[in-house]
Amino acid sequence: MVSRVAFTESPDYMQSLARGLQVLCAFNREQPRCTLSEIAAQTGLSRAVARRSLLTLRHLGYVAAQGRHFFLTPRVLELGHSYLSSLDLTELAHEAMEQLSQRVGESCSMSVLDGTEIVYVARVAVRRLLSVALGVGARLPAFATSMGRVLLAYKSDSELSAWLRENSFYAITAHTMYKIRALQAEILKVRRQGYAFVSQELELGLCSIAVPIRSTTGLAVCGLNVSMRYSDDVHAVARKKMLPALHSARQAIEHAMARNGWQPLVSRSAYG
């Protein structure tokens, strides 16, 4: 397989497309409206290149302008909707996730692994626990999340070692596990026990427990979690109350996948 770095030097790499996507990703919750200078600074592109990308995106209907500021249009949602429509797993999982959330009285989410991050593809929210609002399309660092760890646990030993070696990790809170040896040991523990529990590693006061959702071929395609507030007995509560409910939801989703003949549309590498 050609590495990402090597591919950027190949004749098949479309630099203009990559730059356009960089510009699209520069808009976020904190900066929904940006000037040309701000886009150039955030992406590292020259003003001339950023301008051409913005004008092209505006012509295609993905970006609009008002005065000196540019902003995304609703048409951008088509890109994400195309993925979710092709995934269609979220429709199969919806009923089970609703029942899971009602059973435990907490929010539950489903995500896929995308490189170093997990991406939320479905969520049933009961109340807001994170300081950052989460919804479909939200991204979080995989190494510090329960869903990320259950998906990383399904990598082969060589894939996991390469993933840990090629990425950098950092302390998000005082509880974050970010040393490579400790992370690897924890992920292997997750593989053995079949679930991941994370306590205050992503944000103080936030805990979560997750299990993998597997296709009929055994491929872990998504992570399913329940989030909860920290308490002295949260780990015991998570194991005794949340985990059995998660297993029931996982089984219901996997049975729905098998019943409907659902299979991943992409190879294993695309799931992280």
C-alpha atoms as a PDB file:
ATOM      1  CA  MET A   1       0.000   0.000   0.000  1.00  0.00           C
ATOM      2  CA  VAL A   2       1.337   3.448  -0.912  1.00  0.00           C
ATOM      3  CA  SER A   3       1.861   5.682   2.134  1.00  0.00           C
ATOM      4  CA  ARG A   4      -0.001   8.981   2.377  1.00  0.00           C
ATOM      5  CA  VAL A   5       3.244  10.927   2.139  1.00  0.00           C
ATOM      6  CA  ALA A   6       4.434   9.008  -0.929  1.00  0.00           C
ATOM      7  CA  PHE A   7       1.050   9.345  -2.649  1.00  0.00           C
ATOM      8  CA  THR A   8       1.126  13.140  -2.439  1.00  0.00           C
ATOM      9  CA  GLU A   9       4.173  12.992  -4.708  1.00  0.00           C
ATOM     10  CA  SER A  10       2.567  10.669  -7.256  1.00  0.00           C
ATOM     11  CA  PRO A  11       0.992  11.817 -10.567  1.00  0.00           C
ATOM     12  CA  ASP A  12      -2.384  10.487  -9.355  1.00  0.00           C
ATOM     13  CA  TYR A  13      -2.557  13.023  -6.522  1.00  0.00           C
ATOM     14  CA  MET A  14      -4.877  15.972  -7.318  1.00  0.00           C
ATOM     15  CA  GLN A  15      -3.484  18.882  -5.377  1.00  0.00           C
ATOM     16  CA  SER A  16      -6.302  21.234  -6.355  1.00  0.00           C
ATOM     17  CA  LEU A  17      -8.925  18.819  -4.992  1.00  0.00           C
ATOM     18  CA  ALA A  18      -6.966  18.408  -1.757  1.00  0.00           C
ATOM     19  CA  ARG A  19      -6.697  22.174  -1.368  1.00  0.00           C
ATOM     20  CA  GLY A  20     -10.412  22.634  -1.965  1.00  0.00           C
ATOM     21  CA  LEU A  21     -11.199  20.116   0.757  1.00  0.00           C
ATOM     22  CA  GLN A  22      -8.754  21.886   3.077  1.00  0.00           C
ATOM     23  CA  VAL A  23     -10.680  25.101   2.549  1.00  0.00           C
ATOM     24  CA  LEU A  24     -14.025  23.400   3.254  1.00  0.00           C
ATOM     25  CA  CYS A  25     -12.663  21.947   6.503  1.00  0.00           C
ATOM     26  CA  ALA A  26     -11.434  25.369   7.649  1.00  0.00           C
ATOM     27  CA  PHE A  27     -14.988  26.372   8.545  1.00  0.00           C
ATOM     28  CA  ASN A  28     -16.090  25.141  11.968  1.00  0.00           C
ATOM     29  CA  ARG A  29     -18.281  25.863  14.959  1.00  0.00           C
ATOM     30  CA  GLU A  30     -15.878  28.495  16.279  1.00  0.00           C
ATOM     31  CA  GLN A  31     -15.408  30.174  12.902  1.00  0.00           C
ATOM     32  CA  PRO A  32     -18.476  29.657  10.716  1.00  0.00           C
ATOM     33  CA  ARG A  33     -17.664  32.849   8.750  1.00  0.00           C
ATOM     34  CA  CYS A  34     -14.113  33.505   7.558  1.00  0.00           C
ATOM     35  CA  THR A  35     -12.291  36.096   5.503  1.00  0.00           C
ATOM     36  CA  LEU A  36      -9.873  35.134   2.759  1.00  0.00           C
ATOM     37  CA  SER A  37      -6.939  35.955   5.039  1.00  0.00           C
ATOM     38  CA  GLU A  38      -8.316  33.751   7.809  1.00  0.00           C
ATOM     39  CA  ILE A  39      -8.819  30.836   5.423  1.00  0.00           C
ATOM     40  CA  ALA A  40      -5.272  31.209   4.101  1.00  0.00           C
ATOM     41  CA  ALA A  41      -3.864  31.318   7.641  1.00  0.00           C
ATOM     42  CA  GLN A  42      -5.826  28.271   8.824  1.00  0.00           C
ATOM     43  CA  THR A  43      -4.986  26.105   5.817  1.00  0.00           C
ATOM     44  CA  GLY A  44      -1.423  27.258   5.234  1.00  0.00           C
ATOM     45  CA  LEU A  45      -2.305  28.055   1.625  1.00  0.00           C
ATOM     46  CA  SER A  46      -1.315  31.244  -0.148  1.00  0.00           C
ATOM     47  CA  ARG A  47      -3.999  33.904  -0.478  1.00  0.00           C
ATOM     48  CA  ALA A  48      -4.082  33.346  -4.243  1.00  0.00           C
ATOM     49  CA  VAL A  49      -4.653  29.598  -3.900  1.00  0.00           C
ATOM     50  CA  ALA A  50      -7.217  30.050  -1.125  1.00  0.00           C
ATOM     51  CA  ARG A  51      -9.046  32.634  -3.243  1.00  0.00           C
ATOM     52  CA  ARG A  52      -9.256  30.316  -6.272  1.00  0.00           C
ATOM     53  CA  SER A  53     -10.536  27.493  -4.077  1.00  0.00           C
ATOM     54  CA  LEU A  54     -13.166  29.705  -2.451  1.00  0.00           C
ATOM     55  CA  LEU A  55     -14.369  31.099  -5.781  1.00  0.00           C
ATOM     56  CA  THR A  56     -14.629  27.588  -7.226  1.00  0.00           C
ATOM     57  CA  LEU A  57     -16.540  26.340  -4.181  1.00  0.00           C
ATOM     58  CA  ARG A  58     -18.831  29.354  -4.434  1.00  0.00           C
ATOM     59  CA  HIS A  59     -19.453  28.618  -8.117  1.00  0.00           C
ATOM     60  CA  LEU A  60     -20.329  25.006  -7.201  1.00  0.00           C
ATOM     61  CA  GLY A  61     -22.710  26.183  -4.498  1.00  0.00           C
ATOM     62  CA  TYR A  62     -20.837  24.909  -1.432  1.00  0.00           C
ATOM     63  CA  VAL A  63     -19.728  28.356  -0.228  1.00  0.00           C
ATOM     64  CA  ALA A  64     -21.421  31.764  -0.221  1.00  0.00           C
ATOM     65  CA  ALA A  65     -20.035  35.237   0.459  1.00  0.00           C
ATOM     66  CA  GLN A  66     -21.269  38.350   2.195  1.00  0.00           C
ATOM     67  CA  GLY A  67     -18.922  41.291   2.045  1.00  0.00           C
ATOM     68  CA  ARG A  68     -15.430  40.055   2.960  1.00  0.00           C
ATOM     69  CA  HIS A  69     -16.703  36.928   4.699  1.00  0.00           C
ATOM     70  CA  PHE A  70     -17.282  33.453   3.289  1.00  0.00           C
ATOM     71  CA  PHE A  71     -19.498  30.759   4.831  1.00  0.00           C
ATOM     72  CA  LEU A  72     -20.733  27.273   4.021  1.00  0.00           C
ATOM     73  CA  THR A  73     -24.107  26.698   2.383  1.00  0.00           C
ATOM     74  CA  PRO A  74     -26.574  23.883   3.168  1.00  0.00           C
ATOM     75  CA  ARG A  75     -25.385  22.112   0.018  1.00  0.00           C
ATOM     76  CA  VAL A  76     -22.344  20.909   1.974  1.00  0.00           C
ATOM     77  CA  LEU A  77     -24.721  18.590   3.845  1.00  0.00           C
ATOM     78  CA  GLU A  78     -25.112  16.581   0.627  1.00  0.00           C
ATOM     79  CA  LEU A  79     -21.552  15.312   1.045  1.00  0.00           C
ATOM     80  CA  GLY A  80     -22.198  13.884   4.489  1.00  0.00           C
ATOM     81  CA  HIS A  81     -25.678  12.677   3.571  1.00  0.00           C
ATOM     82  CA  SER A  82     -24.246  10.688   0.666  1.00  0.00           C
ATOM     83  CA  TYR A  83     -21.995   8.805   3.082  1.00  0.00           C
ATOM     84  CA  LEU A  84     -24.732   8.173   5.641  1.00  0.00           C
ATOM     85  CA  SER A  85     -27.114   7.046   2.916  1.00  0.00           C
ATOM     86  CA  SER A  86     -24.569   4.587   1.565  1.00  0.00           C
ATOM     87  CA  LEU A  87     -23.796   3.383   5.091  1.00  0.00           C
ATOM     88  CA  ASP A  88     -27.504   2.788   5.900  1.00  0.00           C
ATOM     89  CA  LEU A  89     -26.369   1.043   9.073  1.00  0.00           C
ATOM     90  CA  THR A  90     -27.663   3.997  11.056  1.00  0.00           C
ATOM     91  CA  GLU A  91     -31.219   3.176   9.976  1.00  0.00           C
ATOM     92  CA  LEU A  92     -30.802  -0.419  11.080  1.00  0.00           C
ATOM     93  CA  ALA A  93     -29.381   0.714  14.431  1.00  0.00           C
ATOM     94  CA  HIS A  94     -31.841   3.500  15.233  1.00  0.00           C
ATOM     95  CA  GLU A  95     -34.501   1.471  17.046  1.00  0.00           C
ATOM     96  CA  ALA A  96     -31.950  -0.449  19.128  1.00  0.00           C
ATOM     97  CA  MET A  97     -30.181   2.787  20.068  1.00  0.00           C
ATOM     98  CA  GLU A  98     -33.450   4.418  21.122  1.00  0.00           C
ATOM     99  CA  GLN A  99     -34.256   1.413  23.312  1.00  0.00           C
ATOM    100  CA  LEU A 100     -30.736   1.419  24.752  1.00  0.00           C
ATOM    101  CA  SER A 101     -30.945   5.075  25.699  1.00  0.00           C
ATOM    102  CA  GLN A 102     -34.371   4.615  27.310  1.00  0.00           C
ATOM    103  CA  ARG A 103     -33.188   1.529  29.216  1.00  0.00           C
ATOM    104  CA  VAL A 104     -30.137   3.164  30.818  1.00  0.00           C
ATOM    105  CA  GLY A 105     -31.361   6.764  30.883  1.00  0.00           C
ATOM    106  CA  GLU A 106     -28.196   8.034  29.217  1.00  0.00           C
ATOM    107  CA  SER A 107     -27.057   9.222  25.787  1.00  0.00           C
ATOM    108  CA  CYS A 108     -25.709   6.657  23.346  1.00  0.00           C
ATOM    109  CA  SER A 109     -23.693   7.103  20.172  1.00  0.00           C
ATOM    110  CA  MET A 110     -22.322   5.199  17.212  1.00  0.00           C
ATOM    111  CA  SER A 111     -19.104   6.091  15.415  1.00  0.00           C
ATOM    112  CA  VAL A 112     -16.637   4.840  12.834  1.00  0.00           C
ATOM    113  CA  LEU A 113     -12.845   5.077  12.881  1.00  0.00           C
ATOM    114  CA  ASP A 114     -11.306   7.508  10.407  1.00  0.00           C
ATOM    115  CA  GLY A 115      -7.532   7.637  10.722  1.00  0.00           C
ATOM    116  CA  THR A 116      -6.702   9.086  14.139  1.00  0.00           C
ATOM    117  CA  GLU A 117     -10.285  10.096  14.937  1.00  0.00           C
ATOM    118  CA  ILE A 118     -13.718   8.666  15.452  1.00  0.00           C
ATOM    119  CA  VAL A 119     -16.591  10.222  13.507  1.00  0.00           C
ATOM    120  CA  TYR A 120     -20.105  10.173  14.943  1.00  0.00           C
ATOM    121  CA  VAL A 121     -22.612   8.618  12.524  1.00  0.00           C
ATOM    122  CA  ALA A 122     -25.599   8.297  14.891  1.00  0.00           C
ATOM    123  CA  ARG A 123     -26.538   9.645  18.308  1.00  0.00           C
ATOM    124  CA  VAL A 124     -29.467   9.527  20.720  1.00  0.00           C
ATOM    125  CA  ALA A 125     -28.961  12.307  23.263  1.00  0.00           C
ATOM    126  CA  VAL A 126     -30.632  12.417  26.660  1.00  0.00           C
ATOM    127  CA  ARG A 127     -28.700  15.325  28.102  1.00  0.00           C
ATOM    128  CA  ARG A 128     -25.515  17.168  27.288  1.00  0.00           C
ATOM    129  CA  LEU A 129     -22.441  15.938  29.185  1.00  0.00           C
ATOM    130  CA  LEU A 130     -19.572  17.239  27.068  1.00  0.00           C
ATOM    131  CA  SER A 131     -18.800  20.942  26.978  1.00  0.00           C
ATOM    132  CA  VAL A 132     -18.664  20.585  23.181  1.00  0.00           C
ATOM    133  CA  ALA A 133     -21.939  19.768  21.454  1.00  0.00           C
ATOM    134  CA  LEU A 134     -21.798  16.406  19.692  1.00  0.00           C
ATOM    135  CA  GLY A 135     -23.843  15.394  16.687  1.00  0.00           C
ATOM    136  CA  VAL A 136     -23.535  13.398  13.493  1.00  0.00           C
ATOM    137  CA  GLY A 137     -20.226  14.305  11.861  1.00  0.00           C
ATOM    138  CA  ALA A 138     -18.500  15.310  15.105  1.00  0.00           C
ATOM    139  CA  ARG A 139     -14.921  14.111  15.506  1.00  0.00           C
ATOM    140  CA  LEU A 140     -12.955  13.119  18.602  1.00  0.00           C
ATOM    141  CA  PRO A 141      -9.457  11.678  19.054  1.00  0.00           C
ATOM    142  CA  ALA A 142      -9.725   7.885  18.894  1.00  0.00           C
ATOM    143  CA  PHE A 143      -7.022   7.144  21.446  1.00  0.00           C
ATOM    144  CA  ALA A 144      -8.911   8.852  24.304  1.00  0.00           C
ATOM    145  CA  THR A 145     -12.422   7.548  23.584  1.00  0.00           C
ATOM    146  CA  SER A 146     -14.141   4.274  24.395  1.00  0.00           C
ATOM    147  CA  MET A 147     -15.459   3.828  20.841  1.00  0.00           C
ATOM    148  CA  GLY A 148     -12.026   4.561  19.405  1.00  0.00           C
ATOM    149  CA  ARG A 149     -10.416   1.937  21.585  1.00  0.00           C
ATOM    150  CA  VAL A 150     -12.898  -0.829  20.781  1.00  0.00           C
ATOM    151  CA  LEU A 151     -12.315  -0.193  17.074  1.00  0.00           C
ATOM    152  CA  LEU A 152      -8.528  -0.024  17.491  1.00  0.00           C
ATOM    153  CA  ALA A 153      -8.689  -3.321  19.388  1.00  0.00           C
ATOM    154  CA  TYR A 154      -9.847  -5.041  16.193  1.00  0.00           C
ATOM    155  CA  LYS A 155      -6.725  -4.074  14.285  1.00  0.00           C
ATOM    156  CA  SER A 156      -4.127  -6.805  13.897  1.00  0.00           C
ATOM    157  CA  ASP A 157      -1.061  -6.597  16.142  1.00  0.00           C
ATOM    158  CA  SER A 158       1.058  -5.215  13.292  1.00  0.00           C
ATOM    159  CA  GLU A 159      -1.621  -2.676  12.272  1.00  0.00           C
ATOM    160  CA  LEU A 160      -2.036  -1.497  15.846  1.00  0.00           C
ATOM    161  CA  SER A 161       1.719  -1.161  16.377  1.00  0.00           C
ATOM    162  CA  ALA A 162       2.033   0.855  13.162  1.00  0.00           C
ATOM    163  CA  TRP A 163      -0.913   3.086  14.131  1.00  0.00           C
ATOM    164  CA  LEU A 164       0.598   3.808  17.535  1.00  0.00           C
ATOM    165  CA  ARG A 165       4.034   4.418  16.043  1.00  0.00           C
ATOM    166  CA  GLU A 166       2.869   6.767  13.288  1.00  0.00           C
ATOM    167  CA  ASN A 167       0.653   9.017  15.435  1.00  0.00           C
ATOM    168  CA  SER A 168       1.270  11.347  18.349  1.00  0.00           C
ATOM    169  CA  PHE A 169      -0.732  11.459  21.578  1.00  0.00           C
ATOM    170  CA  TYR A 170      -1.094  14.048  24.294  1.00  0.00           C
ATOM    171  CA  ALA A 171      -2.684  14.656  27.684  1.00  0.00           C
ATOM    172  CA  ILE A 172      -6.166  16.132  27.271  1.00  0.00           C
ATOM    173  CA  THR A 173      -6.866  15.941  31.004  1.00  0.00           C
ATOM    174  CA  ALA A 174      -4.808  14.779  33.988  1.00  0.00           C
ATOM    175  CA  HIS A 175      -6.398  11.337  33.498  1.00  0.00           C
ATOM    176  CA  THR A 176      -5.608  10.868  29.806  1.00  0.00           C
ATOM    177  CA  MET A 177      -3.663   7.743  28.922  1.00  0.00           C
ATOM    178  CA  TYR A 178      -1.262   8.889  26.221  1.00  0.00           C
ATOM    179  CA  LYS A 179       2.022   6.967  26.648  1.00  0.00           C
ATOM    180  CA  ILE A 180       2.331   4.461  23.805  1.00  0.00           C
ATOM    181  CA  ARG A 181       3.097   1.407  25.944  1.00  0.00           C
ATOM    182  CA  ALA A 182       0.202   2.117  28.292  1.00  0.00           C
ATOM    183  CA  LEU A 183      -2.156   2.741  25.366  1.00  0.00           C
ATOM    184  CA  GLN A 184      -1.138  -0.472  23.636  1.00  0.00           C
ATOM    185  CA  ALA A 185      -1.621  -2.482  26.837  1.00  0.00           C
ATOM    186  CA  GLU A 186      -5.042  -0.909  27.384  1.00  0.00           C
ATOM    187  CA  ILE A 187      -6.171  -1.575  23.814  1.00  0.00           C
ATOM    188  CA  LEU A 188      -5.055  -5.219  24.075  1.00  0.00           C
ATOM    189  CA  LYS A 189      -7.019  -5.457  27.336  1.00  0.00           C
ATOM    190  CA  VAL A 190     -10.055  -4.089  25.486  1.00  0.00           C
ATOM    191  CA  ARG A 191      -9.568  -6.768  22.837  1.00  0.00           C
ATOM    192  CA  ARG A 192      -9.566  -9.505  25.501  1.00  0.00           C
ATOM    193  CA  GLN A 193     -12.573  -8.264  27.472  1.00  0.00           C
ATOM    194  CA  GLY A 194     -14.663  -7.106  24.503  1.00  0.00           C
ATOM    195  CA  TYR A 195     -15.454  -3.602  25.757  1.00  0.00           C
ATOM    196  CA  ALA A 196     -13.711  -0.310  26.577  1.00  0.00           C
ATOM    197  CA  PHE A 197     -14.278   1.921  29.585  1.00  0.00           C
ATOM    198  CA  VAL A 198     -12.850   5.451  29.646  1.00  0.00           C
ATOM    199  CA  SER A 199     -13.010   7.686  32.726  1.00  0.00           C
ATOM    200  CA  GLN A 200     -12.366  11.431  32.469  1.00  0.00           C
ATOM    201  CA  GLU A 201      -9.699  11.045  29.774  1.00  0.00           C
ATOM    202  CA  LEU A 202     -11.482  13.221  27.239  1.00  0.00           C
ATOM    203  CA  GLU A 203     -13.119  15.680  29.621  1.00  0.00           C
ATOM    204  CA  LEU A 204     -13.312  15.933  33.392  1.00  0.00           C
ATOM    205  CA  GLY A 205     -16.551  14.497  34.722  1.00  0.00           C
ATOM    206  CA  LEU A 206     -17.247  12.444  31.588  1.00  0.00           C
ATOM    207  CA  CYS A 207     -17.068   8.640  31.375  1.00  0.00           C
ATOM    208  CA  SER A 208     -18.157   6.185  28.708  1.00  0.00           C
ATOM    209  CA  ILE A 209     -18.289   2.490  27.958  1.00  0.00           C
ATOM    210  CA  ALA A 210     -18.357   1.007  24.442  1.00  0.00           C
ATOM    211  CA  VAL A 211     -18.631  -2.253  22.525  1.00  0.00           C
ATOM    212  CA  PRO A 212     -17.896  -3.007  18.850  1.00  0.00           C
ATOM    213  CA  ILE A 213     -20.557  -3.602  16.212  1.00  0.00           C
ATOM    214  CA  ARG A 214     -19.386  -6.392  13.904  1.00  0.00           C
ATOM    215  CA  SER A 215     -20.447  -7.439  10.437  1.00  0.00           C
ATOM    216  CA  THR A 216     -21.282 -11.062   9.634  1.00  0.00           C
ATOM    217  CA  THR A 217     -17.655 -11.492   8.550  1.00  0.00           C
ATOM    218  CA  GLY A 218     -16.387 -10.396  11.974  1.00  0.00           C
ATOM    219  CA  LEU A 219     -15.213  -6.939  10.905  1.00  0.00           C
ATOM    220  CA  ALA A 220     -15.685  -4.257  13.569  1.00  0.00           C
ATOM    221  CA  VAL A 221     -17.452  -1.574  11.537  1.00  0.00           C
ATOM    222  CA  CYS A 222     -18.655   0.757  14.302  1.00  0.00           C
ATOM    223  CA  GLY A 223     -18.364   1.433  17.980  1.00  0.00           C
ATOM    224  CA  LEU A 224     -21.461   1.809  20.172  1.00  0.00           C
ATOM    225  CA  ASN A 225     -21.218   3.610  23.500  1.00  0.00           C
ATOM    226  CA  VAL A 226     -23.110   4.982  26.473  1.00  0.00           C
ATOM    227  CA  SER A 227     -21.804   8.102  28.192  1.00  0.00           C
ATOM    228  CA  MET A 228     -22.335   9.038  31.838  1.00  0.00           C
ATOM    229  CA  ARG A 229     -21.199  11.419  34.529  1.00  0.00           C
ATOM    230  CA  TYR A 230     -18.291  10.499  36.786  1.00  0.00           C
ATOM    231  CA  SER A 231     -18.963   9.168  40.287  1.00  0.00           C
ATOM    232  CA  ASP A 232     -16.946   7.075  42.730  1.00  0.00           C
ATOM    233  CA  ASP A 233     -18.744   3.899  41.664  1.00  0.00           C
ATOM    234  CA  VAL A 234     -19.120   4.727  37.967  1.00  0.00           C
ATOM    235  CA  HIS A 235     -16.954   1.837  36.761  1.00  0.00           C
ATOM    236  CA  ALA A 236     -19.024  -0.715  38.691  1.00  0.00           C
ATOM    237  CA  VAL A 237     -22.273   0.865  37.463  1.00  0.00           C
ATOM    238  CA  ALA A 238     -20.980   0.843  33.899  1.00  0.00           C
ATOM    239  CA  ARG A 239     -20.132  -2.854  34.053  1.00  0.00           C
ATOM    240  CA  LYS A 240     -23.277  -3.981  35.875  1.00  0.00           C
ATOM    241  CA  LYS A 241     -25.901  -1.746  34.259  1.00  0.00           C
ATOM    242  CA  MET A 242     -24.601  -0.232  31.036  1.00  0.00           C
ATOM    243  CA  LEU A 243     -22.602  -3.156  29.641  1.00  0.00           C
ATOM    244  CA  PRO A 244     -25.457  -5.717  29.599  1.00  0.00           C
ATOM    245  CA  ALA A 245     -27.683  -3.111  27.923  1.00  0.00           C
ATOM    246  CA  LEU A 246     -24.950  -2.377  25.376  1.00  0.00           C
ATOM    247  CA  HIS A 247     -24.554  -6.083  24.604  1.00  0.00           C
ATOM    248  CA  SER A 248     -28.307  -6.410  24.041  1.00  0.00           C
ATOM    249  CA  ALA A 249     -28.301  -3.416  21.690  1.00  0.00           C
ATOM    250  CA  ARG A 250     -25.223  -4.735  19.877  1.00  0.00           C
ATOM    251  CA  GLN A 251     -26.893  -8.098  19.332  1.00  0.00           C
ATOM    252  CA  ALA A 252     -30.061  -6.437  18.036  1.00  0.00           C
ATOM    253  CA  ILE A 253     -28.067  -4.303  15.590  1.00  0.00           C
ATOM    254  CA  GLU A 254     -25.932  -7.206  14.397  1.00  0.00           C
ATOM    255  CA  HIS A 255     -29.046  -9.369  13.906  1.00  0.00           C
ATOM    256  CA  ALA A 256     -30.648  -6.551  11.887  1.00  0.00           C
ATOM    257  CA  MET A 257     -27.484  -6.321   9.776  1.00  0.00           C
ATOM    258  CA  ALA A 258     -27.518 -10.057   9.104  1.00  0.00           C
ATOM    259  CA  ARG A 259     -31.259 -10.111   8.418  1.00  0.00           C
ATOM    260  CA  ASN A 260     -30.933  -7.302   5.867  1.00  0.00           C
ATOM    261  CA  GLY A 261     -27.761  -8.678   4.306  1.00  0.00           C
ATOM    262  CA  TRP A 262     -25.790  -5.584   5.306  1.00  0.00           C
ATOM    263  CA  GLN A 263     -22.082  -5.622   4.498  1.00  0.00           C
ATOM    264  CA  PRO A 264     -19.440  -2.868   4.604  1.00  0.00           C
ATOM    265  CA  LEU A 265     -19.147  -1.106   1.269  1.00  0.00           C
ATOM    266  CA  VAL A 266     -15.386  -0.674   1.662  1.00  0.00           C
ATOM    267  CA  SER A 267     -12.340  -2.650   2.615  1.00  0.00           C
ATOM    268  CA  ARG A 268     -11.058  -3.039   6.154  1.00  0.00           C
ATOM    269  CA  SER A 269      -8.459  -0.291   5.678  1.00  0.00           C
ATOM    270  CA  ALA A 270     -11.216   2.275   5.199  1.00  0.00           C
ATOM    271  CA  TYR A 271     -12.458   1.540   8.709  1.00  0.00           C
ATOM    272  CA  GLY A 272      -9.199   2.724  10.202  1.00  0.00           C
END
